[in-house]
């Protein structure tokens, strides 16, 4: 099951509050401002800064 578009529309980066974008694989949310990726596990976005990973350019 993919992330619902309604949920994507309201999710924001917990650090800078900018919008996040679903990555190509559909397994993470990207904040281009902070250059962080928030993983999606079992269709649940993990929006914790400590759990995020740096965006690989």
PDB file of N, CA and C in Angstrom:
ATOM      1  N   UNK A   1       0.855  -1.181   0.000  1.00  0.00           N
ATOM      2  CA  UNK A   1       0.000   0.000   0.000  1.00  0.00           C
ATOM      3  C   UNK A   1       0.901   1.244   0.000  1.00  0.00           C
ATOM      4  N   UNK A   2       0.575   2.193  -0.829  1.00  0.00           N
ATOM      5  CA  UNK A   2       1.363   3.428  -0.923  1.00  0.00           C
ATOM      6  C   UNK A   2       0.831   4.473   0.055  1.00  0.00           C
ATOM      7  N   UNK A   3       1.650   5.489   0.270  1.00  0.00           N
ATOM      8  CA  UNK A   3       1.246   6.601   1.133  1.00  0.00           C
ATOM      9  C   UNK A   3       0.128   7.376   0.443  1.00  0.00           C
ATOM     10  N   UNK A   4      -0.898   7.659   1.178  1.00  0.00           N
ATOM     11  CA  UNK A   4      -2.046   8.407   0.684  1.00  0.00           C
ATOM     12  C   UNK A   4      -1.636   9.839   0.341  1.00  0.00           C
ATOM     13  N   UNK A   5      -2.131  10.367  -0.781  1.00  0.00           N
ATOM     14  CA  UNK A   5      -1.782  11.722  -1.202  1.00  0.00           C
ATOM     15  C   UNK A   5      -2.231  12.765  -0.171  1.00  0.00           C
ATOM     16  N   UNK A   6      -3.362  12.537   0.482  1.00  0.00           N
ATOM     17  CA  UNK A   6      -3.823  13.460   1.526  1.00  0.00           C
ATOM     18  C   UNK A   6      -2.803  13.565   2.653  1.00  0.00           C
ATOM     19  N   UNK A   7      -2.231  12.435   3.040  1.00  0.00           N
ATOM     20  CA  UNK A   7      -1.212  12.421   4.087  1.00  0.00           C
ATOM     21  C   UNK A   7       0.047  13.153   3.609  1.00  0.00           C
ATOM     22  N   UNK A   8       0.455  12.886   2.375  1.00  0.00           N
ATOM     23  CA  UNK A   8       1.629  13.575   1.828  1.00  0.00           C
ATOM     24  C   UNK A   8       1.430  15.085   1.813  1.00  0.00           C
ATOM     25  N   UNK A   9       0.215  15.530   1.551  1.00  0.00           N
ATOM     26  CA  UNK A   9      -0.072  16.963   1.485  1.00  0.00           C
ATOM     27  C   UNK A   9       0.073  17.661   2.827  1.00  0.00           C
ATOM     28  N   UNK A  10      -0.111  16.937   3.924  1.00  0.00           N
ATOM     29  CA  UNK A  10      -0.040  17.582   5.239  1.00  0.00           C
ATOM     30  C   UNK A  10       1.267  17.320   5.981  1.00  0.00           C
ATOM     31  N   UNK A  11       2.042  16.325   5.523  1.00  0.00           N
ATOM     32  CA  UNK A  11       3.319  16.037   6.193  1.00  0.00           C
ATOM     33  C   UNK A  11       4.337  17.132   5.911  1.00  0.00           C
ATOM     34  N   UNK A  12       5.148  17.427   6.916  1.00  0.00           N
ATOM     35  CA  UNK A  12       6.199  18.432   6.782  1.00  0.00           C
ATOM     36  C   UNK A  12       7.437  17.950   7.529  1.00  0.00           C
ATOM     37  N   UNK A  13       8.568  18.455   7.124  1.00  0.00           N
ATOM     38  CA  UNK A  13       9.829  18.138   7.792  1.00  0.00           C
ATOM     39  C   UNK A  13       9.749  18.634   9.236  1.00  0.00           C
ATOM     40  N   UNK A  14      10.097  17.792  10.215  1.00  0.00           N
ATOM     41  CA  UNK A  14      10.027  18.226  11.606  1.00  0.00           C
ATOM     42  C   UNK A  14      11.065  19.288  11.972  1.00  0.00           C
ATOM     43  N   UNK A  15      12.099  19.440  11.168  1.00  0.00           N
ATOM     44  CA  UNK A  15      13.131  20.431  11.453  1.00  0.00           C
ATOM     45  C   UNK A  15      12.782  21.801  10.894  1.00  0.00           C
ATOM     46  N   UNK A  16      12.546  21.873   9.587  1.00  0.00           N
ATOM     47  CA  UNK A  16      12.361  23.177   8.934  1.00  0.00           C
ATOM     48  C   UNK A  16      10.903  23.469   8.589  1.00  0.00           C
ATOM     49  N   UNK A  17      10.026  22.487   8.722  1.00  0.00           N
ATOM     50  CA  UNK A  17       8.587  22.619   8.443  1.00  0.00           C
ATOM     51  C   UNK A  17       8.254  22.771   6.964  1.00  0.00           C
ATOM     52  N   UNK A  18       9.224  22.518   6.066  1.00  0.00           N
ATOM     53  CA  UNK A  18       8.955  22.524   4.631  1.00  0.00           C
ATOM     54  C   UNK A  18       8.288  21.210   4.235  1.00  0.00           C
ATOM     55  N   UNK A  19       7.691  21.203   3.053  1.00  0.00           N
ATOM     56  CA  UNK A  19       7.030  20.007   2.534  1.00  0.00           C
ATOM     57  C   UNK A  19       8.055  18.915   2.244  1.00  0.00           C
ATOM     58  N   UNK A  20       7.609  17.681   2.340  1.00  0.00           N
ATOM     59  CA  UNK A  20       8.443  16.536   1.995  1.00  0.00           C
ATOM     60  C   UNK A  20       7.891  15.892   0.727  1.00  0.00           C
ATOM     61  N   UNK A  21       8.766  15.195   0.005  1.00  0.00           N
ATOM     62  CA  UNK A  21       8.407  14.581  -1.264  1.00  0.00           C
ATOM     63  C   UNK A  21       8.720  13.095  -1.206  1.00  0.00           C
ATOM     64  N   UNK A  22       7.829  12.286  -1.738  1.00  0.00           N
ATOM     65  CA  UNK A  22       8.044  10.842  -1.796  1.00  0.00           C
ATOM     66  C   UNK A  22       9.186  10.546  -2.758  1.00  0.00           C
ATOM     67  N   UNK A  23      10.119   9.675  -2.354  1.00  0.00           N
ATOM     68  CA  UNK A  23      11.231   9.326  -3.246  1.00  0.00           C
ATOM     69  C   UNK A  23      10.754   8.364  -4.333  1.00  0.00           C
ATOM     70  N   UNK A  24      11.612   8.120  -5.325  1.00  0.00           N
ATOM     71  CA  UNK A  24      11.246   7.291  -6.480  1.00  0.00           C
ATOM     72  C   UNK A  24      10.879   5.874  -6.086  1.00  0.00           C
ATOM     73  N   UNK A  25      11.566   5.332  -5.085  1.00  0.00           N
ATOM     74  CA  UNK A  25      11.308   3.956  -4.649  1.00  0.00           C
ATOM     75  C   UNK A  25      10.026   3.843  -3.829  1.00  0.00           C
ATOM     76  N   UNK A  26       9.554   4.961  -3.299  1.00  0.00           N
ATOM     77  CA  UNK A  26       8.343   4.950  -2.482  1.00  0.00           C
ATOM     78  C   UNK A  26       8.583   4.496  -1.058  1.00  0.00           C
ATOM     79  N   UNK A  27       9.845   4.470  -0.624  1.00  0.00           N
ATOM     80  CA  UNK A  27      10.147   3.983   0.726  1.00  0.00           C
ATOM     81  C   UNK A  27      10.719   5.072   1.632  1.00  0.00           C
ATOM     82  N   UNK A  28      10.614   6.326   1.199  1.00  0.00           N
ATOM     83  CA  UNK A  28      11.132   7.412   2.013  1.00  0.00           C
ATOM     84  C   UNK A  28      10.579   8.756   1.585  1.00  0.00           C
ATOM     85  N   UNK A  29      10.640   9.702   2.502  1.00  0.00           N
ATOM     86  CA  UNK A  29      10.201  11.071   2.240  1.00  0.00           C
ATOM     87  C   UNK A  29      11.422  11.974   2.303  1.00  0.00           C
ATOM     88  N   UNK A  30      11.575  12.823   1.312  1.00  0.00           N
ATOM     89  CA  UNK A  30      12.759  13.668   1.195  1.00  0.00           C
ATOM     90  C   UNK A  30      12.413  15.112   1.539  1.00  0.00           C
ATOM     91  N   UNK A  31      13.260  15.718   2.368  1.00  0.00           N
ATOM     92  CA  UNK A  31      13.212  17.164   2.591  1.00  0.00           C
ATOM     93  C   UNK A  31      14.416  17.735   1.856  1.00  0.00           C
ATOM     94  N   UNK A  32      14.166  18.475   0.781  1.00  0.00           N
ATOM     95  CA  UNK A  32      15.258  19.025  -0.015  1.00  0.00           C
ATOM     96  C   UNK A  32      15.911  20.221   0.671  1.00  0.00           C
ATOM     97  N   UNK A  33      15.215  20.872   1.586  1.00  0.00           N
ATOM     98  CA  UNK A  33      15.787  21.998   2.316  1.00  0.00           C
ATOM     99  C   UNK A  33      16.848  21.515   3.306  1.00  0.00           C
ATOM    100  N   UNK A  34      16.489  20.524   4.106  1.00  0.00           N
ATOM    101  CA  UNK A  34      17.415  19.980   5.115  1.00  0.00           C
ATOM    102  C   UNK A  34      18.312  18.882   4.557  1.00  0.00           C
ATOM    103  N   UNK A  35      17.978  18.410   3.351  1.00  0.00           N
ATOM    104  CA  UNK A  35      18.708  17.310   2.719  1.00  0.00           C
ATOM    105  C   UNK A  35      18.700  16.064   3.607  1.00  0.00           C
ATOM    106  N   UNK A  36      17.486  15.696   4.049  1.00  0.00           N
ATOM    107  CA  UNK A  36      17.277  14.520   4.896  1.00  0.00           C
ATOM    108  C   UNK A  36      16.238  13.609   4.249  1.00  0.00           C
ATOM    109  N   UNK A  37      16.332  12.313   4.559  1.00  0.00           N
ATOM    110  CA  UNK A  37      15.358  11.328   4.099  1.00  0.00           C
ATOM    111  C   UNK A  37      14.740  10.670   5.331  1.00  0.00           C
ATOM    112  N   UNK A  38      13.418  10.664   5.363  1.00  0.00           N
ATOM    113  CA  UNK A  38      12.671  10.026   6.445  1.00  0.00           C
ATOM    114  C   UNK A  38      12.096   8.726   5.903  1.00  0.00           C
ATOM    115  N   UNK A  39      12.498   7.625   6.497  1.00  0.00           N
ATOM    116  CA  UNK A  39      12.104   6.302   6.024  1.00  0.00           C
ATOM    117  C   UNK A  39      10.617   6.034   6.254  1.00  0.00           C
ATOM    118  N   UNK A  40      10.053   5.199   5.392  1.00  0.00           N
ATOM    119  CA  UNK A  40       8.676   4.727   5.555  1.00  0.00           C
ATOM    120  C   UNK A  40       8.765   3.237   5.875  1.00  0.00           C
ATOM    121  N   UNK A  41       8.272   2.852   7.047  1.00  0.00           N
ATOM    122  CA  UNK A  41       8.283   1.450   7.482  1.00  0.00           C
ATOM    123  C   UNK A  41       6.849   0.990   7.672  1.00  0.00           C
ATOM    124  N   UNK A  42       6.496  -0.113   7.036  1.00  0.00           N
ATOM    125  CA  UNK A  42       5.144  -0.672   7.134  1.00  0.00           C
ATOM    126  C   UNK A  42       4.085   0.395   6.837  1.00  0.00           C
ATOM    127  N   UNK A  43       4.341   1.198   5.788  1.00  0.00           N
ATOM    128  CA  UNK A  43       3.433   2.258   5.337  1.00  0.00           C
ATOM    129  C   UNK A  43       3.260   3.387   6.347  1.00  0.00           C
ATOM    130  N   UNK A  44       4.193   3.495   7.302  1.00  0.00           N
ATOM    131  CA  UNK A  44       4.138   4.568   8.297  1.00  0.00           C
ATOM    132  C   UNK A  44       5.408   5.405   8.168  1.00  0.00           C
ATOM    133  N   UNK A  45       5.262   6.704   7.860  1.00  0.00           N
ATOM    134  CA  UNK A  45       6.444   7.552   7.772  1.00  0.00           C
ATOM    135  C   UNK A  45       7.044   7.805   9.160  1.00  0.00           C
ATOM    136  N   UNK A  46       8.338   7.596   9.283  1.00  0.00           N
ATOM    137  CA  UNK A  46       9.045   7.810  10.544  1.00  0.00           C
ATOM    138  C   UNK A  46       9.619   9.228  10.501  1.00  0.00           C
ATOM    139  N   UNK A  47       8.883  10.171  11.069  1.00  0.00           N
ATOM    140  CA  UNK A  47       9.227  11.591  10.970  1.00  0.00           C
ATOM    141  C   UNK A  47      10.017  12.063  12.193  1.00  0.00           C
ATOM    142  N   UNK A  48      11.004  11.281  12.593  1.00  0.00           N
ATOM    143  CA  UNK A  48      11.874  11.628  13.716  1.00  0.00           C
ATOM    144  C   UNK A  48      13.238  12.036  13.168  1.00  0.00           C
ATOM    145  N   UNK A  49      13.722  13.180  13.583  1.00  0.00           N
ATOM    146  CA  UNK A  49      15.005  13.689  13.094  1.00  0.00           C
ATOM    147  C   UNK A  49      16.121  12.699  13.392  1.00  0.00           C
ATOM    148  N   UNK A  50      16.119  12.103  14.566  1.00  0.00           N
ATOM    149  CA  UNK A  50      17.168  11.149  14.947  1.00  0.00           C
ATOM    150  C   UNK A  50      17.155   9.888  14.083  1.00  0.00           C
ATOM    151  N   UNK A  51      16.025   9.567  13.496  1.00  0.00           N
ATOM    152  CA  UNK A  51      15.888   8.376  12.658  1.00  0.00           C
ATOM    153  C   UNK A  51      16.137   8.685  11.178  1.00  0.00           C
ATOM    154  N   UNK A  52      16.217   9.940  10.810  1.00  0.00           N
ATOM    155  CA  UNK A  52      16.400  10.320   9.409  1.00  0.00           C
ATOM    156  C   UNK A  52      17.850  10.093   8.975  1.00  0.00           C
ATOM    157  N   UNK A  53      18.046  10.090   7.658  1.00  0.00           N
ATOM    158  CA  UNK A  53      19.377   9.883   7.090  1.00  0.00           C
ATOM    159  C   UNK A  53      19.690  11.017   6.137  1.00  0.00           C
ATOM    160  N   UNK A  54      20.972  11.321   5.955  1.00  0.00           N
ATOM    161  CA  UNK A  54      21.342  12.370   5.003  1.00  0.00           C
ATOM    162  C   UNK A  54      20.967  11.958   3.580  1.00  0.00           C
ATOM    163  N   UNK A  55      20.542  12.924   2.795  1.00  0.00           N
ATOM    164  CA  UNK A  55      20.186  12.688   1.401  1.00  0.00           C
ATOM    165  C   UNK A  55      21.464  12.493   0.592  1.00  0.00           C
ATOM    166  N   UNK A  56      21.508  11.399  -0.161  1.00  0.00           N
ATOM    167  CA  UNK A  56      22.655  11.140  -1.027  1.00  0.00           C
ATOM    168  C   UNK A  56      22.378  11.834  -2.351  1.00  0.00           C
ATOM    169  N   UNK A  57      23.243  12.731  -2.727  1.00  0.00           N
ATOM    170  CA  UNK A  57      23.057  13.533  -3.947  1.00  0.00           C
ATOM    171  C   UNK A  57      23.200  12.698  -5.189  1.00  0.00           C
TER     172      UNK A  57
END
